[in-house]
Full PDB file with SEQRES, HELIX, SHEET, SSBOND, CRYST1, ORIGX, SCALE, CONECT and MASTER records, all heavy atoms in Angstrom:
SEQRES   1 A   33  ALA THR GLN VAL LEU SER GLY HIS ALA VAL VAL ILE VAL          
SEQRES   2 A   33  ASP GLY SER ARG THR ALA LEU ALA CYS ASP VAL SER MET          
SEQRES   3 A   33  PRO LYS SER ARG ALA ILE THR                                  
HELIX    1 AA1 THR A    2  LEU A    5  1                                   4    
SHEET    1 AA1 2 HIS A   8  VAL A  11  0                                        
SHEET    2 AA1 2 LEU A  20  ASP A  23 -1                                        
CRYST1    1.000    1.000    1.000  90.00  90.00  90.00 P 1           1          
ORIGX1      1.000000  0.000000  0.000000        0.00000                         
ORIGX2      0.000000  1.000000  0.000000        0.00000                         
ORIGX3      0.000000  0.000000  1.000000        0.00000                         
SCALE1      1.000000  0.000000  0.000000        0.00000                         
SCALE2      0.000000  1.000000  0.000000        0.00000                         
SCALE3      0.000000  0.000000  1.000000        0.00000                         
ATOM      1  N   ALA A   1      10.026  76.066  40.433  1.00  0.00           N  
ATOM      2  CA  ALA A   1       9.448  77.397  40.598  1.00  0.00           C  
ATOM      3  C   ALA A   1      10.420  78.445  40.083  1.00  0.00           C  
ATOM      4  O   ALA A   1       9.970  79.408  39.420  1.00  0.00           O  
ATOM      5  CB  ALA A   1       9.092  77.600  41.996  1.00  0.00           C  
ATOM      6  N   THR A   2      11.725  78.258  40.419  1.00  0.00           N  
ATOM      7  CA  THR A   2      12.657  79.272  39.945  1.00  0.00           C  
ATOM      8  C   THR A   2      12.810  79.318  38.449  1.00  0.00           C  
ATOM      9  O   THR A   2      12.924  80.353  37.809  1.00  0.00           O  
ATOM     10  CB  THR A   2      14.061  78.921  40.574  1.00  0.00           C  
ATOM     11  OG1 THR A   2      13.926  78.966  41.956  1.00  0.00           O  
ATOM     12  CG2 THR A   2      15.106  79.912  40.108  1.00  0.00           C  
ATOM     13  N   GLN A   3      12.786  78.141  37.793  1.00  0.00           N  
ATOM     14  CA  GLN A   3      12.804  78.080  36.340  1.00  0.00           C  
ATOM     15  C   GLN A   3      11.584  78.740  35.704  1.00  0.00           C  
ATOM     16  O   GLN A   3      11.792  79.522  34.707  1.00  0.00           O  
ATOM     17  CB  GLN A   3      12.944  76.600  35.839  1.00  0.00           C  
ATOM     18  CG  GLN A   3      14.227  75.923  36.300  1.00  0.00           C  
ATOM     19  CD  GLN A   3      15.412  76.369  35.526  1.00  0.00           C  
ATOM     20  OE1 GLN A   3      15.274  77.128  34.580  1.00  0.00           O  
ATOM     21  NE2 GLN A   3      16.594  75.959  35.961  1.00  0.00           N  
ATOM     22  N   VAL A   4      10.436  78.501  36.221  1.00  0.00           N  
ATOM     23  CA  VAL A   4       9.170  79.079  35.680  1.00  0.00           C  
ATOM     24  C   VAL A   4       9.229  80.623  35.811  1.00  0.00           C  
ATOM     25  O   VAL A   4       8.924  81.351  34.921  1.00  0.00           O  
ATOM     26  CB  VAL A   4       7.963  78.489  36.410  1.00  0.00           C  
ATOM     27  CG1 VAL A   4       6.664  79.280  35.916  1.00  0.00           C  
ATOM     28  CG2 VAL A   4       7.849  77.030  35.960  1.00  0.00           C  
ATOM     29  N   LEU A   5       9.679  81.136  37.039  1.00  0.00           N  
ATOM     30  CA  LEU A   5       9.710  82.527  37.254  1.00  0.00           C  
ATOM     31  C   LEU A   5      10.797  83.190  36.432  1.00  0.00           C  
ATOM     32  O   LEU A   5      10.732  84.416  36.242  1.00  0.00           O  
ATOM     33  CB  LEU A   5       9.982  82.822  38.759  1.00  0.00           C  
ATOM     34  CG  LEU A   5       8.814  82.428  39.745  1.00  0.00           C  
ATOM     35  CD1 LEU A   5       9.263  82.504  41.155  1.00  0.00           C  
ATOM     36  CD2 LEU A   5       7.590  83.269  39.452  1.00  0.00           C  
ATOM     37  N   SER A   6      11.720  82.408  35.905  1.00  0.00           N  
ATOM     38  CA  SER A   6      12.770  82.971  35.032  1.00  0.00           C  
ATOM     39  C   SER A   6      12.346  83.016  33.607  1.00  0.00           C  
ATOM     40  O   SER A   6      13.196  83.328  32.729  1.00  0.00           O  
ATOM     41  CB  SER A   6      14.105  82.121  35.217  1.00  0.00           C  
ATOM     42  OG  SER A   6      14.542  82.200  36.607  1.00  0.00           O  
ATOM     43  N   GLY A   7      11.164  82.599  33.336  1.00  0.00           N  
ATOM     44  CA  GLY A   7      10.680  82.591  31.947  1.00  0.00           C  
ATOM     45  C   GLY A   7      10.917  81.233  31.196  1.00  0.00           C  
ATOM     46  O   GLY A   7      10.876  81.272  29.948  1.00  0.00           O  
ATOM     47  N   HIS A   8      11.209  80.219  31.931  1.00  0.00           N  
ATOM     48  CA  HIS A   8      11.479  78.942  31.250  1.00  0.00           C  
ATOM     49  C   HIS A   8      10.206  78.097  31.229  1.00  0.00           C  
ATOM     50  O   HIS A   8       9.384  78.235  32.141  1.00  0.00           O  
ATOM     51  CB  HIS A   8      12.588  78.172  31.952  1.00  0.00           C  
ATOM     52  CG  HIS A   8      13.912  78.915  31.842  1.00  0.00           C  
ATOM     53  ND1 HIS A   8      15.006  78.397  32.558  1.00  0.00           N  
ATOM     54  CD2 HIS A   8      14.308  79.983  31.266  1.00  0.00           C  
ATOM     55  CE1 HIS A   8      16.026  79.243  32.327  1.00  0.00           C  
ATOM     56  NE2 HIS A   8      15.590  80.261  31.566  1.00  0.00           N  
ATOM     57  N   ALA A   9      10.104  77.269  30.190  1.00  0.00           N  
ATOM     58  CA  ALA A   9       9.037  76.228  30.248  1.00  0.00           C  
ATOM     59  C   ALA A   9       9.574  74.921  30.807  1.00  0.00           C  
ATOM     60  O   ALA A   9      10.647  74.475  30.544  1.00  0.00           O  
ATOM     61  CB  ALA A   9       8.561  75.951  28.785  1.00  0.00           C  
ATOM     62  N   VAL A  10       8.785  74.360  31.683  1.00  0.00           N  
ATOM     63  CA  VAL A  10       9.181  73.115  32.429  1.00  0.00           C  
ATOM     64  C   VAL A  10       8.346  71.973  32.063  1.00  0.00           C  
ATOM     65  O   VAL A  10       7.117  72.073  32.122  1.00  0.00           O  
ATOM     66  CB  VAL A  10       9.199  73.392  33.964  1.00  0.00           C  
ATOM     67  CG1 VAL A  10       9.587  72.086  34.714  1.00  0.00           C  
ATOM     68  CG2 VAL A  10      10.050  74.544  34.373  1.00  0.00           C  
ATOM     69  N   VAL A  11       8.960  70.856  31.692  1.00  0.00           N  
ATOM     70  CA  VAL A  11       8.253  69.630  31.237  1.00  0.00           C  
ATOM     71  C   VAL A  11       8.508  68.634  32.319  1.00  0.00           C  
ATOM     72  O   VAL A  11       9.612  68.249  32.648  1.00  0.00           O  
ATOM     73  CB  VAL A  11       8.743  69.148  29.873  1.00  0.00           C  
ATOM     74  CG1 VAL A  11       8.016  67.884  29.505  1.00  0.00           C  
ATOM     75  CG2 VAL A  11       8.597  70.240  28.803  1.00  0.00           C  
ATOM     76  N   ILE A  12       7.362  68.155  32.946  1.00  0.00           N  
ATOM     77  CA  ILE A  12       7.454  67.203  33.976  1.00  0.00           C  
ATOM     78  C   ILE A  12       6.793  65.886  33.472  1.00  0.00           C  
ATOM     79  O   ILE A  12       5.668  65.809  33.082  1.00  0.00           O  
ATOM     80  CB  ILE A  12       6.645  67.605  35.222  1.00  0.00           C  
ATOM     81  CG1 ILE A  12       7.246  68.979  35.758  1.00  0.00           C  
ATOM     82  CG2 ILE A  12       6.758  66.565  36.362  1.00  0.00           C  
ATOM     83  CD1 ILE A  12       6.536  69.533  36.921  1.00  0.00           C  
ATOM     84  N   VAL A  13       7.575  64.815  33.447  1.00  0.00           N  
ATOM     85  CA  VAL A  13       7.170  63.450  32.985  1.00  0.00           C  
ATOM     86  C   VAL A  13       6.765  62.593  34.139  1.00  0.00           C  
ATOM     87  O   VAL A  13       7.517  62.552  35.136  1.00  0.00           O  
ATOM     88  CB  VAL A  13       8.241  62.810  32.118  1.00  0.00           C  
ATOM     89  CG1 VAL A  13       7.787  61.466  31.603  1.00  0.00           C  
ATOM     90  CG2 VAL A  13       8.636  63.714  30.963  1.00  0.00           C  
ATOM     91  N   ASP A  14       5.604  61.978  34.038  1.00  0.00           N  
ATOM     92  CA  ASP A  14       5.112  61.189  35.110  1.00  0.00           C  
ATOM     93  C   ASP A  14       6.115  60.004  35.377  1.00  0.00           C  
ATOM     94  O   ASP A  14       6.448  59.314  34.394  1.00  0.00           O  
ATOM     95  CB  ASP A  14       3.691  60.616  34.759  1.00  0.00           C  
ATOM     96  CG  ASP A  14       3.079  59.845  35.915  1.00  0.00           C  
ATOM     97  OD1 ASP A  14       3.466  60.073  37.043  1.00  0.00           O  
ATOM     98  OD2 ASP A  14       2.170  59.036  35.651  1.00  0.00           O  
ATOM     99  N   GLY A  15       6.457  59.887  36.595  1.00  0.00           N  
ATOM    100  CA  GLY A  15       7.404  58.741  36.967  1.00  0.00           C  
ATOM    101  C   GLY A  15       8.866  59.194  36.920  1.00  0.00           C  
ATOM    102  O   GLY A  15       9.706  58.440  37.468  1.00  0.00           O  
ATOM    103  N   SER A  16       9.138  60.398  36.438  1.00  0.00           N  
ATOM    104  CA  SER A  16      10.580  60.817  36.452  1.00  0.00           C  
ATOM    105  C   SER A  16      10.827  61.734  37.562  1.00  0.00           C  
ATOM    106  O   SER A  16      10.005  62.548  38.013  1.00  0.00           O  
ATOM    107  CB  SER A  16      10.826  61.547  35.154  1.00  0.00           C  
ATOM    108  OG  SER A  16      12.156  62.039  35.077  1.00  0.00           O  
ATOM    109  N   ARG A  17      12.062  61.693  38.129  1.00  0.00           N  
ATOM    110  CA  ARG A  17      12.426  62.545  39.190  1.00  0.00           C  
ATOM    111  C   ARG A  17      13.096  63.802  38.829  1.00  0.00           C  
ATOM    112  O   ARG A  17      13.509  64.669  39.637  1.00  0.00           O  
ATOM    113  CB  ARG A  17      13.386  61.777  40.153  1.00  0.00           C  
ATOM    114  CG  ARG A  17      12.825  60.538  40.867  1.00  0.00           C  
ATOM    115  CD  ARG A  17      13.736  59.940  41.803  1.00  0.00           C  
ATOM    116  NE  ARG A  17      13.144  58.815  42.501  1.00  0.00           N  
ATOM    117  CZ  ARG A  17      13.758  58.144  43.484  1.00  0.00           C  
ATOM    118  NH1 ARG A  17      14.992  58.448  43.816  1.00  0.00           N  
ATOM    119  NH2 ARG A  17      13.139  57.056  44.089  1.00  0.00           N  
ATOM    120  N   THR A  18      13.302  63.978  37.512  1.00  0.00           N  
ATOM    121  CA  THR A  18      13.894  65.112  36.939  1.00  0.00           C  
ATOM    122  C   THR A  18      13.025  65.836  35.951  1.00  0.00           C  
ATOM    123  O   THR A  18      12.502  65.115  35.093  1.00  0.00           O  
ATOM    124  CB  THR A  18      15.306  64.807  36.302  1.00  0.00           C  
ATOM    125  OG1 THR A  18      16.076  64.185  37.268  1.00  0.00           O  
ATOM    126  CG2 THR A  18      16.001  66.042  35.818  1.00  0.00           C  
ATOM    127  N   ALA A  19      12.811  67.109  36.067  1.00  0.00           N  
ATOM    128  CA  ALA A  19      12.050  67.886  35.149  1.00  0.00           C  
ATOM    129  C   ALA A  19      12.959  68.598  34.131  1.00  0.00           C  
ATOM    130  O   ALA A  19      14.069  69.009  34.477  1.00  0.00           O  
ATOM    131  CB  ALA A  19      11.163  68.923  35.867  1.00  0.00           C  
ATOM    132  N   LEU A  20      12.493  68.685  32.900  1.00  0.00           N  
ATOM    133  CA  LEU A  20      13.290  69.366  31.835  1.00  0.00           C  
ATOM    134  C   LEU A  20      12.874  70.802  31.681  1.00  0.00           C  
ATOM    135  O   LEU A  20      11.676  71.091  31.500  1.00  0.00           O  
ATOM    136  CB  LEU A  20      13.109  68.649  30.484  1.00  0.00           C  
ATOM    137  CG  LEU A  20      13.754  69.204  29.270  1.00  0.00           C  
ATOM    138  CD1 LEU A  20      15.345  69.057  29.463  1.00  0.00           C  
ATOM    139  CD2 LEU A  20      13.424  68.466  28.063  1.00  0.00           C  
ATOM    140  N   ALA A  21      13.785  71.698  31.789  1.00  0.00           N  
ATOM    141  CA  ALA A  21      13.546  73.122  31.749  1.00  0.00           C  
ATOM    142  C   ALA A  21      14.116  73.674  30.398  1.00  0.00           C  
ATOM    143  O   ALA A  21      15.267  73.410  30.101  1.00  0.00           O  
ATOM    144  CB  ALA A  21      14.173  73.931  32.865  1.00  0.00           C  
ATOM    145  N   CYS A  22      13.341  74.421  29.597  1.00  0.00           N  
ATOM    146  CA  CYS A  22      13.656  74.975  28.345  1.00  0.00           C  
ATOM    147  C   CYS A  22      13.502  76.459  28.343  1.00  0.00           C  
ATOM    148  O   CYS A  22      12.417  76.951  28.765  1.00  0.00           O  
ATOM    149  CB  CYS A  22      12.816  74.331  27.206  1.00  0.00           C  
ATOM    150  SG  CYS A  22      12.860  72.567  27.178  1.00  0.00           S  
ATOM    151  N   ASP A  23      14.514  77.091  27.904  1.00  0.00           N  
ATOM    152  CA  ASP A  23      14.469  78.543  27.930  1.00  0.00           C  
ATOM    153  C   ASP A  23      13.648  79.068  26.636  1.00  0.00           C  
ATOM    154  O   ASP A  23      14.103  78.986  25.538  1.00  0.00           O  
ATOM    155  CB  ASP A  23      15.900  79.152  27.812  1.00  0.00           C  
ATOM    156  CG  ASP A  23      15.905  80.646  28.022  1.00  0.00           C  
ATOM    157  OD1 ASP A  23      14.773  81.295  28.173  1.00  0.00           O  
ATOM    158  OD2 ASP A  23      17.031  81.253  28.072  1.00  0.00           O  
ATOM    159  N   VAL A  24      12.472  79.609  26.908  1.00  0.00           N  
ATOM    160  CA  VAL A  24      11.590  80.085  25.842  1.00  0.00           C  
ATOM    161  C   VAL A  24      11.356  81.606  25.947  1.00  0.00           C  
ATOM    162  O   VAL A  24      10.571  82.178  25.247  1.00  0.00           O  
ATOM    163  CB  VAL A  24      10.258  79.353  25.855  1.00  0.00           C  
ATOM    164  CG1 VAL A  24      10.427  77.881  25.485  1.00  0.00           C  
ATOM    165  CG2 VAL A  24       9.511  79.508  27.127  1.00  0.00           C  
ATOM    166  N   SER A  25      12.049  82.180  26.917  1.00  0.00           N  
ATOM    167  CA  SER A  25      11.905  83.654  27.120  1.00  0.00           C  
ATOM    168  C   SER A  25      12.602  84.425  26.060  1.00  0.00           C  
ATOM    169  O   SER A  25      13.628  83.970  25.444  1.00  0.00           O  
ATOM    170  CB  SER A  25      12.456  84.023  28.493  1.00  0.00           C  
ATOM    171  OG  SER A  25      13.890  83.759  28.558  1.00  0.00           O  
ATOM    172  N   MET A  26      12.085  85.596  25.795  1.00  0.00           N  
ATOM    173  CA  MET A  26      12.790  86.506  24.827  1.00  0.00           C  
ATOM    174  C   MET A  26      12.854  87.873  25.438  1.00  0.00           C  
ATOM    175  O   MET A  26      12.151  88.873  25.063  1.00  0.00           O  
ATOM    176  CB  MET A  26      11.935  86.632  23.561  1.00  0.00           C  
ATOM    177  CG  MET A  26      11.779  85.268  22.823  1.00  0.00           C  
ATOM    178  SD  MET A  26      10.825  85.398  21.290  1.00  0.00           S  
ATOM    179  CE  MET A  26      11.852  86.564  20.343  1.00  0.00           C  
ATOM    180  N   PRO A  27      13.751  88.007  26.445  1.00  0.00           N  
ATOM    181  CA  PRO A  27      13.883  89.306  27.169  1.00  0.00           C  
ATOM    182  C   PRO A  27      14.522  90.364  26.310  1.00  0.00           C  
ATOM    183  O   PRO A  27      15.358  90.115  25.452  1.00  0.00           O  
ATOM    184  CB  PRO A  27      14.751  89.018  28.354  1.00  0.00           C  
ATOM    185  CG  PRO A  27      15.568  87.813  27.843  1.00  0.00           C  
ATOM    186  CD  PRO A  27      14.686  87.041  26.976  1.00  0.00           C  
ATOM    187  N   LYS A  28      14.127  91.626  26.407  1.00  0.00           N  
ATOM    188  CA  LYS A  28      14.684  92.755  25.717  1.00  0.00           C  
ATOM    189  C   LYS A  28      15.924  93.261  26.409  1.00  0.00           C  
ATOM    190  O   LYS A  28      15.986  93.300  27.627  1.00  0.00           O  
ATOM    191  CB  LYS A  28      13.720  93.884  25.620  1.00  0.00           C  
ATOM    192  CG  LYS A  28      12.427  93.553  24.734  1.00  0.00           C  
ATOM    193  CD  LYS A  28      11.573  94.764  24.623  1.00  0.00           C  
ATOM    194  CE  LYS A  28      10.325  94.491  23.743  1.00  0.00           C  
ATOM    195  NZ  LYS A  28       9.514  95.684  23.614  1.00  0.00           N  
ATOM    196  N   SER A  29      16.990  93.449  25.653  1.00  0.00           N  
ATOM    197  CA  SER A  29      18.226  93.884  26.215  1.00  0.00           C  
ATOM    198  C   SER A  29      18.751  95.111  25.507  1.00  0.00           C  
ATOM    199  O   SER A  29      18.398  95.360  24.341  1.00  0.00           O  
ATOM    200  CB  SER A  29      19.327  92.742  26.172  1.00  0.00           C  
ATOM    201  OG  SER A  29      19.530  92.336  24.820  1.00  0.00           O  
ATOM    202  N   ARG A  30      19.592  95.810  26.163  1.00  0.00           N  
ATOM    203  CA  ARG A  30      20.192  96.984  25.633  1.00  0.00           C  
ATOM    204  C   ARG A  30      21.192  96.624  24.541  1.00  0.00           C  
ATOM    205  O   ARG A  30      21.871  95.629  24.608  1.00  0.00           O  
ATOM    206  CB  ARG A  30      20.868  97.859  26.694  1.00  0.00           C  
ATOM    207  CG  ARG A  30      21.554  99.143  26.309  1.00  0.00           C  
ATOM    208  CD  ARG A  30      21.827  99.994  27.619  1.00  0.00           C  
ATOM    209  NE  ARG A  30      22.621  99.234  28.556  1.00  0.00           N  
ATOM    210  CZ  ARG A  30      23.971  99.166  28.494  1.00  0.00           C  
ATOM    211  NH1 ARG A  30      24.619  99.893  27.574  1.00  0.00           N  
ATOM    212  NH2 ARG A  30      24.644  98.529  29.441  1.00  0.00           N  
ATOM    213  N   ALA A  31      21.307  97.469  23.550  1.00  0.00           N  
ATOM    214  CA  ALA A  31      22.256  97.208  22.457  1.00  0.00           C  
ATOM    215  C   ALA A  31      23.694  97.253  22.968  1.00  0.00           C  
ATOM    216  O   ALA A  31      24.023  97.833  23.909  1.00  0.00           O  
ATOM    217  CB  ALA A  31      22.068  98.218  21.300  1.00  0.00           C  
ATOM    218  N   ILE A  32      24.528  96.389  22.265  1.00  0.00           N  
ATOM    219  CA  ILE A  32      25.961  96.376  22.675  1.00  0.00           C  
ATOM    220  C   ILE A  32      26.670  97.568  22.028  1.00  0.00           C  
ATOM    221  O   ILE A  32      26.794  97.728  20.834  1.00  0.00           O  
ATOM    222  CB  ILE A  32      26.580  95.122  22.092  1.00  0.00           C  
ATOM    223  CG1 ILE A  32      25.920  93.855  22.724  1.00  0.00           C  
ATOM    224  CG2 ILE A  32      28.122  95.096  22.388  1.00  0.00           C  
ATOM    225  CD1 ILE A  32      26.457  92.613  22.204  1.00  0.00           C  
ATOM    226  N   THR A  33      27.073  98.509  22.895  1.00  0.00           N  
ATOM    227  CA  THR A  33      27.766  99.723  22.527  1.00  0.00           C  
ATOM    228  C   THR A  33      29.015  99.929  23.313  1.00  0.00           C  
ATOM    229  O   THR A  33      29.256  99.172  24.268  1.00  0.00           O  
ATOM    230  CB  THR A  33      26.794 100.952  22.780  1.00  0.00           C  
ATOM    231  OG1 THR A  33      26.452 100.981  24.177  1.00  0.00           O  
ATOM    232  CG2 THR A  33      25.533 100.821  21.834  1.00  0.00           C  
TER     233      THR A  33                                                      
MASTER        0    0    0    1    2    0    0    6  232    1    0    3          
END                                                                             
């Protein structure tokens, strides 16, 4: 739930105890000045 709310895509494989989270978010950020 935390990964999804952070803008990540989560892949859950049937039979696996670990889900794979991929960062697909593109947040806007302030320029480096």
